[in-house]
Amino acid sequence: MTADELITKKDLEEFKQELFAILVPLTTGQTLNTQKWLKNEDVKKILKVSGGTIQNLRVNGSLPFTKIGGLYYYKQEDIDLMLSGPEKKSPSKRPAQRKNKPLT
């Protein structure tokens, strides 16, 4: 064993502090990554849209997703971003113009 391979008491103390910093939040119910993932059904309820609409949003890139084993997952933050973004309105339909026909 060489001198650079020795572990000092100070090294062990530092390691213990780092380990506790990781483990304590896990034991108290907190997680390091609090990201919430939603399934298709959840997103359909939140956005009040059909499965086909969700598919269209995926295809055109409006709704980021992750596919795992045939299931689609969406980040809660992405859904929140969609809901907080500017509302898009359908183009207004103009009433058909009537041509005045001469009375005969």
Foldseek 3Di string as FASTA:
>chain_A
DDPVPDDDPVNVVVVVVVVCVQVVCVVVVHHPDPWDKDWLVVLCVVVVHDSVVVVVCVVVVVFDWDDDPNTIIGTPVSSVCVVPDDDDDDDDDDDDDDDDDDDD
